[in-house]
Amino acid sequence: MNEIPSVYWMIVIGAIALMICFVLFYIAMVLLESKKAIEESRKIMEEAARTIRQVDLIVNDVQASISSVREAIGEINQSILVPVRKLGYGVSAVTGFLAGLLGREKEEE
């Protein structure tokens, strides 16, 4: 009676083998789910890359538009505002000169 019957050993070894099989099964399921998740993430990454390319094209178009507006503003500045400023400086100089003459005439009186 000091020995454990072989049936009990078979039950213990069978239970351990069953637990190992369950662990391996769950590992296989995790790997399968991770494979599906990786496939989905690759699709998402491809869509994100396409979206980034489209955004890059849009940004390039906007930059081109902005540069053309800057050029137009620069041309307007050179063709209209600079001559008007020069006229303003000339008028200011004449006004200052006349104010100086009138001021001297008042001082002489």
N, C-alpha and C. Protein backbone atom coordinates (compact mmCIF):
# COMPACT_ATOMS: atom_id res chain seq x y z
N MET A 1 0.80 -1.19 0.00
CA MET A 1 0.00 0.00 0.00
C MET A 1 0.85 1.26 0.00
N ASN A 2 2.14 1.13 0.03
CA ASN A 2 2.99 2.31 0.02
C ASN A 2 3.11 2.92 -1.37
N GLU A 3 2.72 2.22 -2.36
CA GLU A 3 2.83 2.73 -3.72
C GLU A 3 1.51 3.36 -4.15
N ILE A 4 1.66 4.44 -4.99
CA ILE A 4 0.47 5.06 -5.58
C ILE A 4 0.14 4.26 -6.83
N PRO A 5 -1.13 3.89 -7.00
CA PRO A 5 -1.48 3.09 -8.17
C PRO A 5 -1.20 3.85 -9.47
N SER A 6 -0.91 3.10 -10.49
CA SER A 6 -0.55 3.69 -11.78
C SER A 6 -1.71 4.45 -12.41
N VAL A 7 -2.93 4.14 -12.08
CA VAL A 7 -4.09 4.86 -12.62
C VAL A 7 -4.04 6.32 -12.17
N TYR A 8 -3.68 6.55 -10.92
CA TYR A 8 -3.59 7.92 -10.42
C TYR A 8 -2.48 8.70 -11.14
N TRP A 9 -1.35 8.03 -11.39
CA TRP A 9 -0.26 8.68 -12.12
C TRP A 9 -0.71 9.04 -13.53
N MET A 10 -1.47 8.16 -14.16
CA MET A 10 -1.96 8.45 -15.51
C MET A 10 -2.92 9.63 -15.49
N ILE A 11 -3.76 9.70 -14.45
CA ILE A 11 -4.69 10.83 -14.34
C ILE A 11 -3.92 12.13 -14.14
N VAL A 12 -2.90 12.13 -13.28
CA VAL A 12 -2.11 13.34 -13.02
C VAL A 12 -1.37 13.77 -14.28
N ILE A 13 -0.72 12.82 -14.95
CA ILE A 13 0.02 13.14 -16.18
C ILE A 13 -0.94 13.60 -17.28
N GLY A 14 -2.11 12.97 -17.37
CA GLY A 14 -3.12 13.39 -18.35
C GLY A 14 -3.61 14.80 -18.08
N ALA A 15 -3.84 15.13 -16.79
CA ALA A 15 -4.28 16.49 -16.44
C ALA A 15 -3.22 17.52 -16.80
N ILE A 16 -1.96 17.19 -16.51
CA ILE A 16 -0.86 18.11 -16.85
C ILE A 16 -0.77 18.28 -18.36
N ALA A 17 -0.89 17.17 -19.09
CA ALA A 17 -0.84 17.25 -20.56
C ALA A 17 -2.01 18.07 -21.09
N LEU A 18 -3.20 17.91 -20.50
CA LEU A 18 -4.36 18.68 -20.91
C LEU A 18 -4.15 20.17 -20.66
N MET A 19 -3.56 20.52 -19.51
CA MET A 19 -3.28 21.93 -19.21
C MET A 19 -2.27 22.51 -20.19
N ILE A 20 -1.26 21.73 -20.51
CA ILE A 20 -0.26 22.19 -21.48
C ILE A 20 -0.91 22.39 -22.85
N CYS A 21 -1.81 21.48 -23.22
CA CYS A 21 -2.52 21.62 -24.49
C CYS A 21 -3.38 22.88 -24.51
N PHE A 22 -4.06 23.18 -23.40
CA PHE A 22 -4.86 24.40 -23.31
C PHE A 22 -3.99 25.64 -23.44
N VAL A 23 -2.85 25.63 -22.78
CA VAL A 23 -1.93 26.78 -22.87
C VAL A 23 -1.46 26.96 -24.30
N LEU A 24 -1.09 25.86 -24.96
CA LEU A 24 -0.65 25.95 -26.35
C LEU A 24 -1.78 26.42 -27.27
N PHE A 25 -3.01 25.95 -26.98
CA PHE A 25 -4.17 26.39 -27.76
C PHE A 25 -4.38 27.89 -27.63
N TYR A 26 -4.31 28.40 -26.40
CA TYR A 26 -4.51 29.84 -26.18
C TYR A 26 -3.37 30.65 -26.80
N ILE A 27 -2.16 30.13 -26.77
CA ILE A 27 -1.05 30.82 -27.43
C ILE A 27 -1.29 30.88 -28.94
N ALA A 28 -1.80 29.77 -29.51
CA ALA A 28 -2.11 29.75 -30.94
C ALA A 28 -3.21 30.76 -31.27
N MET A 29 -4.23 30.87 -30.41
CA MET A 29 -5.31 31.83 -30.64
C MET A 29 -4.79 33.26 -30.55
N VAL A 30 -3.90 33.52 -29.60
CA VAL A 30 -3.31 34.86 -29.48
C VAL A 30 -2.50 35.19 -30.73
N LEU A 31 -1.74 34.23 -31.23
CA LEU A 31 -0.96 34.45 -32.45
C LEU A 31 -1.87 34.71 -33.65
N LEU A 32 -2.98 33.97 -33.73
CA LEU A 32 -3.92 34.16 -34.82
C LEU A 32 -4.54 35.56 -34.76
N GLU A 33 -4.96 35.97 -33.58
CA GLU A 33 -5.54 37.30 -33.41
C GLU A 33 -4.51 38.39 -33.70
N SER A 34 -3.28 38.17 -33.28
CA SER A 34 -2.25 39.18 -33.55
C SER A 34 -1.96 39.26 -35.04
N LYS A 35 -2.04 38.14 -35.74
CA LYS A 35 -1.85 38.15 -37.20
C LYS A 35 -2.94 38.99 -37.85
N LYS A 36 -4.19 38.80 -37.42
CA LYS A 36 -5.29 39.59 -37.96
C LYS A 36 -5.12 41.07 -37.63
N ALA A 37 -4.68 41.35 -36.41
CA ALA A 37 -4.47 42.75 -36.02
C ALA A 37 -3.36 43.39 -36.84
N ILE A 38 -2.32 42.63 -37.12
CA ILE A 38 -1.21 43.16 -37.93
C ILE A 38 -1.68 43.43 -39.35
N GLU A 39 -2.51 42.55 -39.91
CA GLU A 39 -3.04 42.77 -41.25
C GLU A 39 -3.89 44.04 -41.29
N GLU A 40 -4.73 44.22 -40.27
CA GLU A 40 -5.57 45.41 -40.21
C GLU A 40 -4.71 46.66 -40.04
N SER A 41 -3.68 46.57 -39.21
CA SER A 41 -2.83 47.74 -39.01
C SER A 41 -2.06 48.08 -40.27
N ARG A 42 -1.69 47.09 -41.06
CA ARG A 42 -1.02 47.37 -42.34
C ARG A 42 -1.96 48.11 -43.28
N LYS A 43 -3.23 47.69 -43.32
CA LYS A 43 -4.20 48.39 -44.15
C LYS A 43 -4.35 49.83 -43.69
N ILE A 44 -4.42 50.02 -42.38
CA ILE A 44 -4.56 51.37 -41.84
C ILE A 44 -3.33 52.21 -42.18
N MET A 45 -2.15 51.61 -42.10
CA MET A 45 -0.92 52.33 -42.42
C MET A 45 -0.89 52.73 -43.90
N GLU A 46 -1.35 51.84 -44.78
CA GLU A 46 -1.40 52.16 -46.21
C GLU A 46 -2.37 53.31 -46.46
N GLU A 47 -3.54 53.28 -45.80
CA GLU A 47 -4.50 54.37 -45.95
C GLU A 47 -3.92 55.67 -45.41
N ALA A 48 -3.21 55.60 -44.30
CA ALA A 48 -2.58 56.79 -43.74
C ALA A 48 -1.52 57.34 -44.69
N ALA A 49 -0.77 56.46 -45.32
CA ALA A 49 0.25 56.91 -46.27
C ALA A 49 -0.40 57.60 -47.47
N ARG A 50 -1.51 57.04 -47.96
CA ARG A 50 -2.24 57.67 -49.06
C ARG A 50 -2.77 59.04 -48.64
N THR A 51 -3.31 59.11 -47.44
CA THR A 51 -3.84 60.38 -46.95
C THR A 51 -2.72 61.41 -46.81
N ILE A 52 -1.57 60.98 -46.32
CA ILE A 52 -0.44 61.90 -46.18
C ILE A 52 0.01 62.40 -47.54
N ARG A 53 0.03 61.53 -48.54
CA ARG A 53 0.39 61.96 -49.90
C ARG A 53 -0.59 63.01 -50.42
N GLN A 54 -1.89 62.78 -50.18
CA GLN A 54 -2.90 63.74 -50.63
C GLN A 54 -2.74 65.07 -49.91
N VAL A 55 -2.49 65.00 -48.61
CA VAL A 55 -2.29 66.23 -47.84
C VAL A 55 -1.05 66.96 -48.33
N ASP A 56 -0.01 66.22 -48.67
CA ASP A 56 1.21 66.83 -49.19
C ASP A 56 0.93 67.56 -50.49
N LEU A 57 0.14 66.94 -51.37
CA LEU A 57 -0.22 67.60 -52.63
C LEU A 57 -1.03 68.87 -52.37
N ILE A 58 -1.96 68.79 -51.43
CA ILE A 58 -2.78 69.96 -51.10
C ILE A 58 -1.91 71.07 -50.54
N VAL A 59 -0.98 70.72 -49.65
CA VAL A 59 -0.09 71.72 -49.06
C VAL A 59 0.78 72.36 -50.15
N ASN A 60 1.26 71.57 -51.08
CA ASN A 60 2.07 72.12 -52.17
C ASN A 60 1.25 73.09 -53.02
N ASP A 61 -0.03 72.74 -53.30
CA ASP A 61 -0.90 73.64 -54.05
C ASP A 61 -1.12 74.94 -53.29
N VAL A 62 -1.35 74.84 -52.00
CA VAL A 62 -1.57 76.04 -51.18
C VAL A 62 -0.31 76.90 -51.15
N GLN A 63 0.84 76.27 -51.02
CA GLN A 63 2.09 77.03 -51.01
C GLN A 63 2.31 77.73 -52.35
N ALA A 64 1.96 77.07 -53.44
CA ALA A 64 2.08 77.71 -54.75
C ALA A 64 1.14 78.90 -54.85
N SER A 65 -0.08 78.75 -54.35
CA SER A 65 -1.04 79.86 -54.37
C SER A 65 -0.53 81.01 -53.51
N ILE A 66 -0.01 80.70 -52.35
CA ILE A 66 0.50 81.74 -51.46
C ILE A 66 1.68 82.46 -52.10
N SER A 67 2.56 81.72 -52.75
CA SER A 67 3.71 82.38 -53.38
C SER A 67 3.26 83.28 -54.53
N SER A 68 2.24 82.86 -55.29
CA SER A 68 1.75 83.73 -56.36
C SER A 68 1.08 84.97 -55.79
N VAL A 69 0.37 84.84 -54.67
CA VAL A 69 -0.22 86.01 -54.02
C VAL A 69 0.87 86.94 -53.51
N ARG A 70 1.93 86.38 -52.94
CA ARG A 70 3.05 87.21 -52.47
C ARG A 70 3.68 87.97 -53.63
N GLU A 71 3.87 87.28 -54.76
CA GLU A 71 4.44 87.95 -55.93
C GLU A 71 3.53 89.08 -56.40
N ALA A 72 2.22 88.83 -56.42
CA ALA A 72 1.28 89.86 -56.84
C ALA A 72 1.32 91.05 -55.89
N ILE A 73 1.40 90.79 -54.60
CA ILE A 73 1.47 91.88 -53.63
C ILE A 73 2.78 92.65 -53.79
N GLY A 74 3.87 91.93 -54.05
CA GLY A 74 5.15 92.60 -54.30
C GLY A 74 5.09 93.49 -55.53
N GLU A 75 4.45 93.01 -56.60
CA GLU A 75 4.31 93.82 -57.81
C GLU A 75 3.44 95.04 -57.54
N ILE A 76 2.35 94.85 -56.79
CA ILE A 76 1.50 95.99 -56.43
C ILE A 76 2.29 97.00 -55.62
N ASN A 77 3.08 96.50 -54.70
CA ASN A 77 3.90 97.38 -53.87
C ASN A 77 4.87 98.18 -54.73
N GLN A 78 5.51 97.51 -55.67
CA GLN A 78 6.50 98.20 -56.51
C GLN A 78 5.84 99.16 -57.50
N SER A 79 4.70 98.80 -58.04
CA SER A 79 4.10 99.62 -59.09
C SER A 79 3.18 100.72 -58.57
N ILE A 80 2.60 100.55 -57.40
CA ILE A 80 1.64 101.55 -56.92
C ILE A 80 2.12 102.22 -55.64
N LEU A 81 2.43 101.44 -54.63
CA LEU A 81 2.71 102.02 -53.32
C LEU A 81 4.02 102.79 -53.27
N VAL A 82 5.05 102.30 -53.94
CA VAL A 82 6.34 102.99 -53.90
C VAL A 82 6.24 104.38 -54.55
N PRO A 83 5.64 104.52 -55.74
CA PRO A 83 5.50 105.87 -56.29
C PRO A 83 4.62 106.78 -55.43
N VAL A 84 3.56 106.22 -54.84
CA VAL A 84 2.70 107.03 -53.98
C VAL A 84 3.48 107.50 -52.76
N ARG A 85 4.30 106.65 -52.20
CA ARG A 85 5.13 107.05 -51.05
C ARG A 85 6.13 108.14 -51.46
N LYS A 86 6.71 107.98 -52.64
CA LYS A 86 7.65 109.00 -53.10
C LYS A 86 6.95 110.34 -53.26
N LEU A 87 5.73 110.32 -53.83
CA LEU A 87 4.96 111.56 -53.94
C LEU A 87 4.66 112.13 -52.56
N GLY A 88 4.32 111.22 -51.63
CA GLY A 88 4.04 111.67 -50.26
C GLY A 88 5.27 112.30 -49.62
N TYR A 89 6.44 111.71 -49.85
CA TYR A 89 7.67 112.30 -49.32
C TYR A 89 7.94 113.67 -49.95
N GLY A 90 7.69 113.76 -51.25
CA GLY A 90 7.89 115.04 -51.95
C GLY A 90 6.95 116.10 -51.42
N VAL A 91 5.68 115.76 -51.29
CA VAL A 91 4.69 116.72 -50.76
C VAL A 91 5.06 117.10 -49.34
N SER A 92 5.49 116.15 -48.56
CA SER A 92 5.90 116.43 -47.18
C SER A 92 7.09 117.38 -47.16
N ALA A 93 8.03 117.17 -48.06
CA ALA A 93 9.20 118.05 -48.11
C ALA A 93 8.80 119.46 -48.52
N VAL A 94 7.93 119.57 -49.53
CA VAL A 94 7.46 120.89 -49.97
C VAL A 94 6.68 121.57 -48.85
N THR A 95 5.83 120.81 -48.18
CA THR A 95 5.05 121.36 -47.07
C THR A 95 5.97 121.83 -45.95
N GLY A 96 6.97 121.04 -45.64
CA GLY A 96 7.93 121.44 -44.61
C GLY A 96 8.70 122.68 -45.02
N PHE A 97 9.08 122.76 -46.30
CA PHE A 97 9.80 123.93 -46.79
C PHE A 97 8.92 125.17 -46.69
N LEU A 98 7.66 125.04 -47.14
CA LEU A 98 6.74 126.18 -47.07
C LEU A 98 6.45 126.56 -45.62
N ALA A 99 6.33 125.57 -44.75
CA ALA A 99 6.09 125.88 -43.34
C ALA A 99 7.29 126.62 -42.77
N GLY A 100 8.48 126.22 -43.20
CA GLY A 100 9.68 126.92 -42.74
C GLY A 100 9.72 128.35 -43.25
N LEU A 101 9.34 128.58 -44.51
CA LEU A 101 9.32 129.93 -45.06
C LEU A 101 8.28 130.78 -44.36
N LEU A 102 7.10 130.22 -44.16
CA LEU A 102 6.05 130.98 -43.49
C LEU A 102 6.42 131.25 -42.05
N GLY A 103 7.10 130.32 -41.44
CA GLY A 103 7.53 130.52 -40.06
C GLY A 103 8.57 131.62 -39.96
N ARG A 104 9.45 131.74 -40.94
CA ARG A 104 10.47 132.78 -40.94
C ARG A 104 9.84 134.14 -41.19
N GLU A 105 8.84 134.15 -42.08
CA GLU A 105 8.16 135.41 -42.37
C GLU A 105 7.46 135.92 -41.12
N LYS A 106 6.87 135.03 -40.35
CA LYS A 106 6.19 135.44 -39.12
C LYS A 106 7.19 135.91 -38.09
N GLU A 107 8.38 135.32 -38.06
CA GLU A 107 9.41 135.73 -37.12
C GLU A 107 9.95 137.11 -37.49
N GLU A 108 10.03 137.40 -38.79
CA GLU A 108 10.55 138.68 -39.24
C GLU A 108 9.57 139.80 -38.94
N GLU A 109 8.33 139.52 -38.87
CA GLU A 109 7.33 140.56 -38.63
C GLU A 109 7.33 140.95 -37.24
